[in-house]
């Protein structure tokens, strides 16, 4: 597998955009889907087999934040 080198500024901006689009805890802000797709592409995160979204969970640390909601 060939990995591309990505400037940290692009990753930082993508994460910042995604976090800003999170909105409040009861909804997703405008642009949430678009920013999630950008992050998945930059970080080479595959979609779930059923195409329902991106499998970010496979990259989370075991001890994470203790949340099992995703």
PDB file of N, CA and C in Angstrom:
ATOM      1  N   UNK A   1       0.846  -1.185   0.000  1.00  0.00           N
ATOM      2  CA  UNK A   1       0.000   0.000   0.000  1.00  0.00           C
ATOM      3  C   UNK A   1       0.887   1.243   0.000  1.00  0.00           C
ATOM      4  N   UNK A   2       0.605   2.157  -0.876  1.00  0.00           N
ATOM      5  CA  UNK A   2       1.351   3.405  -0.947  1.00  0.00           C
ATOM      6  C   UNK A   2       0.607   4.454  -0.146  1.00  0.00           C
ATOM      7  N   UNK A   3       1.301   5.090   0.792  1.00  0.00           N
ATOM      8  CA  UNK A   3       0.677   6.126   1.616  1.00  0.00           C
ATOM      9  C   UNK A   3       1.145   7.487   1.136  1.00  0.00           C
ATOM     10  N   UNK A   4       0.224   8.414   1.093  1.00  0.00           N
ATOM     11  CA  UNK A   4       0.553   9.772   0.702  1.00  0.00           C
ATOM     12  C   UNK A   4       0.930  10.568   1.944  1.00  0.00           C
ATOM     13  N   UNK A   5       1.870  11.460   1.797  1.00  0.00           N
ATOM     14  CA  UNK A   5       2.212  12.372   2.880  1.00  0.00           C
ATOM     15  C   UNK A   5       1.281  13.560   2.789  1.00  0.00           C
ATOM     16  N   UNK A   6       0.632  13.855   3.900  1.00  0.00           N
ATOM     17  CA  UNK A   6      -0.321  14.956   3.947  1.00  0.00           C
ATOM     18  C   UNK A   6       0.183  15.991   4.934  1.00  0.00           C
ATOM     19  N   UNK A   7       0.140  17.240   4.535  1.00  0.00           N
ATOM     20  CA  UNK A   7       0.570  18.302   5.422  1.00  0.00           C
ATOM     21  C   UNK A   7      -0.328  18.363   6.644  1.00  0.00           C
ATOM     22  N   UNK A   8       0.279  18.559   7.810  1.00  0.00           N
ATOM     23  CA  UNK A   8      -0.465  18.623   9.059  1.00  0.00           C
ATOM     24  C   UNK A   8      -1.503  19.745   9.027  1.00  0.00           C
ATOM     25  N   UNK A   9      -1.236  20.809   8.304  1.00  0.00           N
ATOM     26  CA  UNK A   9      -2.207  21.901   8.209  1.00  0.00           C
ATOM     27  C   UNK A   9      -3.521  21.430   7.603  1.00  0.00           C
ATOM     28  N   UNK A  10      -3.446  20.546   6.611  1.00  0.00           N
ATOM     29  CA  UNK A  10      -4.662  20.027   5.977  1.00  0.00           C
ATOM     30  C   UNK A  10      -5.434  19.137   6.945  1.00  0.00           C
ATOM     31  N   UNK A  11      -4.715  18.310   7.700  1.00  0.00           N
ATOM     32  CA  UNK A  11      -5.372  17.448   8.682  1.00  0.00           C
ATOM     33  C   UNK A  11      -5.998  18.299   9.790  1.00  0.00           C
ATOM     34  N   UNK A  12      -5.255  19.262  10.280  1.00  0.00           N
ATOM     35  CA  UNK A  12      -5.760  20.145  11.340  1.00  0.00           C
ATOM     36  C   UNK A  12      -7.021  20.872  10.880  1.00  0.00           C
ATOM     37  N   UNK A  13      -6.997  21.386   9.656  1.00  0.00           N
ATOM     38  CA  UNK A  13      -8.157  22.092   9.132  1.00  0.00           C
ATOM     39  C   UNK A  13      -9.352  21.149   8.979  1.00  0.00           C
ATOM     40  N   UNK A  14      -9.107  19.930   8.470  1.00  0.00           N
ATOM     41  CA  UNK A  14     -10.190  18.967   8.296  1.00  0.00           C
ATOM     42  C   UNK A  14     -10.810  18.598   9.640  1.00  0.00           C
ATOM     43  N   UNK A  15      -9.987  18.373  10.644  1.00  0.00           N
ATOM     44  CA  UNK A  15     -10.501  18.038  11.974  1.00  0.00           C
ATOM     45  C   UNK A  15     -11.267  19.221  12.552  1.00  0.00           C
ATOM     46  N   UNK A  16     -10.723  20.417  12.415  1.00  0.00           N
ATOM     47  CA  UNK A  16     -11.401  21.610  12.938  1.00  0.00           C
ATOM     48  C   UNK A  16     -12.755  21.809  12.261  1.00  0.00           C
ATOM     49  N   UNK A  17     -12.809  21.623  10.961  1.00  0.00           N
ATOM     50  CA  UNK A  17     -14.068  21.752  10.237  1.00  0.00           C
ATOM     51  C   UNK A  17     -15.071  20.699  10.689  1.00  0.00           C
ATOM     52  N   UNK A  18     -14.595  19.479  10.850  1.00  0.00           N
ATOM     53  CA  UNK A  18     -15.465  18.398  11.295  1.00  0.00           C
ATOM     54  C   UNK A  18     -16.003  18.674  12.695  1.00  0.00           C
ATOM     55  N   UNK A  19     -15.123  19.066  13.606  1.00  0.00           N
ATOM     56  CA  UNK A  19     -15.542  19.322  14.979  1.00  0.00           C
ATOM     57  C   UNK A  19     -16.547  20.481  15.031  1.00  0.00           C
ATOM     58  N   UNK A  20     -16.310  21.513  14.251  1.00  0.00           N
ATOM     59  CA  UNK A  20     -17.240  22.643  14.218  1.00  0.00           C
ATOM     60  C   UNK A  20     -18.590  22.209  13.669  1.00  0.00           C
ATOM     61  N   UNK A  21     -18.597  21.275  12.734  1.00  0.00           N
ATOM     62  CA  UNK A  21     -19.843  20.834  12.130  1.00  0.00           C
ATOM     63  C   UNK A  21     -20.615  19.857  13.013  1.00  0.00           C
ATOM     64  N   UNK A  22     -20.022  19.426  14.110  1.00  0.00           N
ATOM     65  CA  UNK A  22     -20.690  18.501  15.019  1.00  0.00           C
ATOM     66  C   UNK A  22     -21.965  19.100  15.599  1.00  0.00           C
ATOM     67  N   UNK A  23     -21.985  20.411  15.803  1.00  0.00           N
ATOM     68  CA  UNK A  23     -23.170  21.043  16.380  1.00  0.00           C
ATOM     69  C   UNK A  23     -23.344  20.640  17.832  1.00  0.00           C
ATOM     70  N   UNK A  24     -24.554  20.693  18.317  1.00  0.00           N
ATOM     71  CA  UNK A  24     -24.818  20.294  19.700  1.00  0.00           C
ATOM     72  C   UNK A  24     -24.922  18.775  19.781  1.00  0.00           C
ATOM     73  N   UNK A  25     -25.082  18.256  20.979  1.00  0.00           N
ATOM     74  CA  UNK A  25     -25.089  16.803  21.150  1.00  0.00           C
ATOM     75  C   UNK A  25     -26.331  16.128  20.581  1.00  0.00           C
ATOM     76  N   UNK A  26     -27.365  16.901  20.272  1.00  0.00           N
ATOM     77  CA  UNK A  26     -28.603  16.286  19.776  1.00  0.00           C
ATOM     78  C   UNK A  26     -28.754  16.368  18.259  1.00  0.00           C
ATOM     79  N   UNK A  27     -27.801  16.988  17.572  1.00  0.00           N
ATOM     80  CA  UNK A  27     -27.919  17.089  16.113  1.00  0.00           C
ATOM     81  C   UNK A  27     -26.551  17.274  15.481  1.00  0.00           C
ATOM     82  N   UNK A  28     -26.488  17.141  14.191  1.00  0.00           N
ATOM     83  CA  UNK A  28     -25.274  17.394  13.438  1.00  0.00           C
ATOM     84  C   UNK A  28     -25.403  18.745  12.757  1.00  0.00           C
ATOM     85  N   UNK A  29     -24.355  19.543  12.824  1.00  0.00           N
ATOM     86  CA  UNK A  29     -24.371  20.846  12.201  1.00  0.00           C
ATOM     87  C   UNK A  29     -24.299  20.763  10.685  1.00  0.00           C
ATOM     88  N   UNK A  30     -24.528  21.881  10.044  1.00  0.00           N
ATOM     89  CA  UNK A  30     -24.472  21.964   8.589  1.00  0.00           C
ATOM     90  C   UNK A  30     -23.071  21.604   8.105  1.00  0.00           C
ATOM     91  N   UNK A  31     -22.965  20.815   7.101  1.00  0.00           N
ATOM     92  CA  UNK A  31     -21.677  20.441   6.536  1.00  0.00           C
ATOM     93  C   UNK A  31     -21.041  19.218   7.180  1.00  0.00           C
ATOM     94  N   UNK A  32     -21.691  18.635   8.175  1.00  0.00           N
ATOM     95  CA  UNK A  32     -21.128  17.504   8.918  1.00  0.00           C
ATOM     96  C   UNK A  32     -20.747  16.358   7.979  1.00  0.00           C
ATOM     97  N   UNK A  33     -21.641  15.957   7.109  1.00  0.00           N
ATOM     98  CA  UNK A  33     -21.387  14.829   6.200  1.00  0.00           C
ATOM     99  C   UNK A  33     -20.211  15.127   5.281  1.00  0.00           C
ATOM    100  N   UNK A  34     -20.171  16.336   4.735  1.00  0.00           N
ATOM    101  CA  UNK A  34     -19.090  16.723   3.826  1.00  0.00           C
ATOM    102  C   UNK A  34     -17.736  16.652   4.532  1.00  0.00           C
ATOM    103  N   UNK A  35     -17.663  17.186   5.755  1.00  0.00           N
ATOM    104  CA  UNK A  35     -16.401  17.199   6.482  1.00  0.00           C
ATOM    105  C   UNK A  35     -15.983  15.794   6.916  1.00  0.00           C
ATOM    106  N   UNK A  36     -16.942  14.942   7.254  1.00  0.00           N
ATOM    107  CA  UNK A  36     -16.638  13.550   7.604  1.00  0.00           C
ATOM    108  C   UNK A  36     -16.027  12.843   6.390  1.00  0.00           C
ATOM    109  N   UNK A  37     -16.569  13.086   5.202  1.00  0.00           N
ATOM    110  CA  UNK A  37     -16.048  12.479   3.983  1.00  0.00           C
ATOM    111  C   UNK A  37     -14.626  12.953   3.677  1.00  0.00           C
ATOM    112  N   UNK A  38     -14.354  14.239   3.912  1.00  0.00           N
ATOM    113  CA  UNK A  38     -13.009  14.776   3.689  1.00  0.00           C
ATOM    114  C   UNK A  38     -12.017  14.102   4.637  1.00  0.00           C
ATOM    115  N   UNK A  39     -12.384  13.990   5.911  1.00  0.00           N
ATOM    116  CA  UNK A  39     -11.503  13.327   6.878  1.00  0.00           C
ATOM    117  C   UNK A  39     -11.255  11.873   6.493  1.00  0.00           C
ATOM    118  N   UNK A  40     -12.299  11.167   6.118  1.00  0.00           N
ATOM    119  CA  UNK A  40     -12.159   9.763   5.735  1.00  0.00           C
ATOM    120  C   UNK A  40     -11.209   9.625   4.544  1.00  0.00           C
ATOM    121  N   UNK A  41     -11.330  10.505   3.578  1.00  0.00           N
ATOM    122  CA  UNK A  41     -10.462  10.452   2.404  1.00  0.00           C
ATOM    123  C   UNK A  41      -9.008  10.755   2.775  1.00  0.00           C
ATOM    124  N   UNK A  42      -8.794  11.791   3.572  1.00  0.00           N
ATOM    125  CA  UNK A  42      -7.432  12.161   3.971  1.00  0.00           C
ATOM    126  C   UNK A  42      -6.761  11.066   4.795  1.00  0.00           C
ATOM    127  N   UNK A  43      -7.547  10.385   5.624  1.00  0.00           N
ATOM    128  CA  UNK A  43      -6.991   9.397   6.548  1.00  0.00           C
ATOM    129  C   UNK A  43      -7.137   7.962   6.056  1.00  0.00           C
ATOM    130  N   UNK A  44      -7.639   7.804   4.822  1.00  0.00           N
ATOM    131  CA  UNK A  44      -7.796   6.484   4.221  1.00  0.00           C
ATOM    132  C   UNK A  44      -8.663   5.570   5.097  1.00  0.00           C
ATOM    133  N   UNK A  45      -9.802   6.076   5.512  1.00  0.00           N
ATOM    134  CA  UNK A  45     -10.749   5.316   6.330  1.00  0.00           C
ATOM    135  C   UNK A  45     -11.783   4.693   5.393  1.00  0.00           C
ATOM    136  N   UNK A  46     -11.912   3.371   5.427  1.00  0.00           N
ATOM    137  CA  UNK A  46     -12.854   2.712   4.524  1.00  0.00           C
ATOM    138  C   UNK A  46     -14.300   2.837   4.988  1.00  0.00           C
ATOM    139  N   UNK A  47     -15.210   2.659   4.032  1.00  0.00           N
ATOM    140  CA  UNK A  47     -16.632   2.627   4.376  1.00  0.00           C
ATOM    141  C   UNK A  47     -16.960   1.261   4.967  1.00  0.00           C
ATOM    142  N   UNK A  48     -18.055   1.226   5.744  1.00  0.00           N
ATOM    143  CA  UNK A  48     -18.573  -0.056   6.211  1.00  0.00           C
ATOM    144  C   UNK A  48     -19.025  -0.848   4.990  1.00  0.00           C
ATOM    145  N   UNK A  49     -19.071  -2.151   5.121  1.00  0.00           N
ATOM    146  CA  UNK A  49     -19.474  -3.010   4.002  1.00  0.00           C
ATOM    147  C   UNK A  49     -20.854  -2.648   3.473  1.00  0.00           C
ATOM    148  N   UNK A  50     -21.758  -2.196   4.357  1.00  0.00           N
ATOM    149  CA  UNK A  50     -23.109  -1.866   3.920  1.00  0.00           C
ATOM    150  C   UNK A  50     -23.235  -0.420   3.429  1.00  0.00           C
ATOM    151  N   UNK A  51     -22.082   0.272   3.298  1.00  0.00           N
ATOM    152  CA  UNK A  51     -22.041   1.649   2.788  1.00  0.00           C
ATOM    153  C   UNK A  51     -22.767   2.660   3.684  1.00  0.00           C
ATOM    154  N   UNK A  52     -22.993   2.306   4.956  1.00  0.00           N
ATOM    155  CA  UNK A  52     -23.753   3.187   5.852  1.00  0.00           C
ATOM    156  C   UNK A  52     -22.925   4.340   6.412  1.00  0.00           C
ATOM    157  N   UNK A  53     -21.645   4.297   6.233  1.00  0.00           N
ATOM    158  CA  UNK A  53     -20.782   5.348   6.755  1.00  0.00           C
ATOM    159  C   UNK A  53     -19.334   4.883   6.721  1.00  0.00           C
ATOM    160  N   UNK A  54     -18.469   5.624   7.410  1.00  0.00           N
ATOM    161  CA  UNK A  54     -17.044   5.312   7.423  1.00  0.00           C
ATOM    162  C   UNK A  54     -16.661   4.640   8.735  1.00  0.00           C
ATOM    163  N   UNK A  55     -15.814   3.637   8.659  1.00  0.00           N
ATOM    164  CA  UNK A  55     -15.437   2.856   9.823  1.00  0.00           C
ATOM    165  C   UNK A  55     -14.258   3.488  10.569  1.00  0.00           C
ATOM    166  N   UNK A  56     -14.486   4.656  11.175  1.00  0.00           N
ATOM    167  CA  UNK A  56     -13.461   5.302  11.977  1.00  0.00           C
ATOM    168  C   UNK A  56     -13.153   4.477  13.225  1.00  0.00           C
ATOM    169  N   UNK A  57     -14.146   3.767  13.720  1.00  0.00           N
ATOM    170  CA  UNK A  57     -14.004   3.037  14.976  1.00  0.00           C
ATOM    171  C   UNK A  57     -12.825   2.065  14.952  1.00  0.00           C
ATOM    172  N   UNK A  58     -12.541   1.466  13.817  1.00  0.00           N
ATOM    173  CA  UNK A  58     -11.449   0.489  13.755  1.00  0.00           C
ATOM    174  C   UNK A  58     -10.101   1.101  14.106  1.00  0.00           C
ATOM    175  N   UNK A  59     -10.000   2.426  14.055  1.00  0.00           N
ATOM    176  CA  UNK A  59      -8.744   3.102  14.340  1.00  0.00           C
ATOM    177  C   UNK A  59      -8.701   3.706  15.746  1.00  0.00           C
ATOM    178  N   UNK A  60      -9.795   3.618  16.498  1.00  0.00           N
ATOM    179  CA  UNK A  60      -9.845   4.176  17.851  1.00  0.00           C
ATOM    180  C   UNK A  60      -8.994   3.334  18.792  1.00  0.00           C
ATOM    181  N   UNK A  61      -8.445   3.985  19.803  1.00  0.00           N
ATOM    182  CA  UNK A  61      -7.649   3.243  20.780  1.00  0.00           C
ATOM    183  C   UNK A  61      -8.576   2.414  21.663  1.00  0.00           C
ATOM    184  N   UNK A  62      -8.043   1.336  22.190  1.00  0.00           N
ATOM    185  CA  UNK A  62      -8.844   0.438  23.045  1.00  0.00           C
ATOM    186  C   UNK A  62      -9.362   1.167  24.276  1.00  0.00           C
ATOM    187  N   UNK A  63      -8.515   2.012  24.897  1.00  0.00           N
ATOM    188  CA  UNK A  63      -8.932   2.684  26.120  1.00  0.00           C
ATOM    189  C   UNK A  63      -9.717   3.960  25.846  1.00  0.00           C
ATOM    190  N   UNK A  64      -9.614   4.507  24.663  1.00  0.00           N
ATOM    191  CA  UNK A  64     -10.396   5.674  24.217  1.00  0.00           C
ATOM    192  C   UNK A  64     -10.999   6.490  25.323  1.00  0.00           C
ATOM    193  N   UNK A  65     -12.243   6.903  25.140  1.00  0.00           N
ATOM    194  CA  UNK A  65     -12.914   7.705  26.154  1.00  0.00           C
ATOM    195  C   UNK A  65     -13.965   6.886  26.905  1.00  0.00           C
ATOM    196  N   UNK A  66     -13.998   5.595  26.658  1.00  0.00           N
ATOM    197  CA  UNK A  66     -14.935   4.721  27.362  1.00  0.00           C
ATOM    198  C   UNK A  66     -16.322   4.693  26.751  1.00  0.00           C
ATOM    199  N   UNK A  67     -16.558   5.487  25.716  1.00  0.00           N
ATOM    200  CA  UNK A  67     -17.867   5.524  25.092  1.00  0.00           C
ATOM    201  C   UNK A  67     -18.024   4.331  24.164  1.00  0.00           C
ATOM    202  N   UNK A  68     -19.129   3.679  24.255  1.00  0.00           N
ATOM    203  CA  UNK A  68     -19.429   2.553  23.372  1.00  0.00           C
ATOM    204  C   UNK A  68     -20.573   2.902  22.427  1.00  0.00           C
ATOM    205  N   UNK A  69     -20.851   4.176  22.259  1.00  0.00           N
ATOM    206  CA  UNK A  69     -22.035   4.585  21.507  1.00  0.00           C
ATOM    207  C   UNK A  69     -21.859   4.525  20.001  1.00  0.00           C
ATOM    208  N   UNK A  70     -20.663   4.287  19.485  1.00  0.00           N
ATOM    209  CA  UNK A  70     -20.514   4.263  18.045  1.00  0.00           C
ATOM    210  C   UNK A  70     -20.126   2.918  17.611  1.00  0.00           C
TER     211      UNK A  70
END
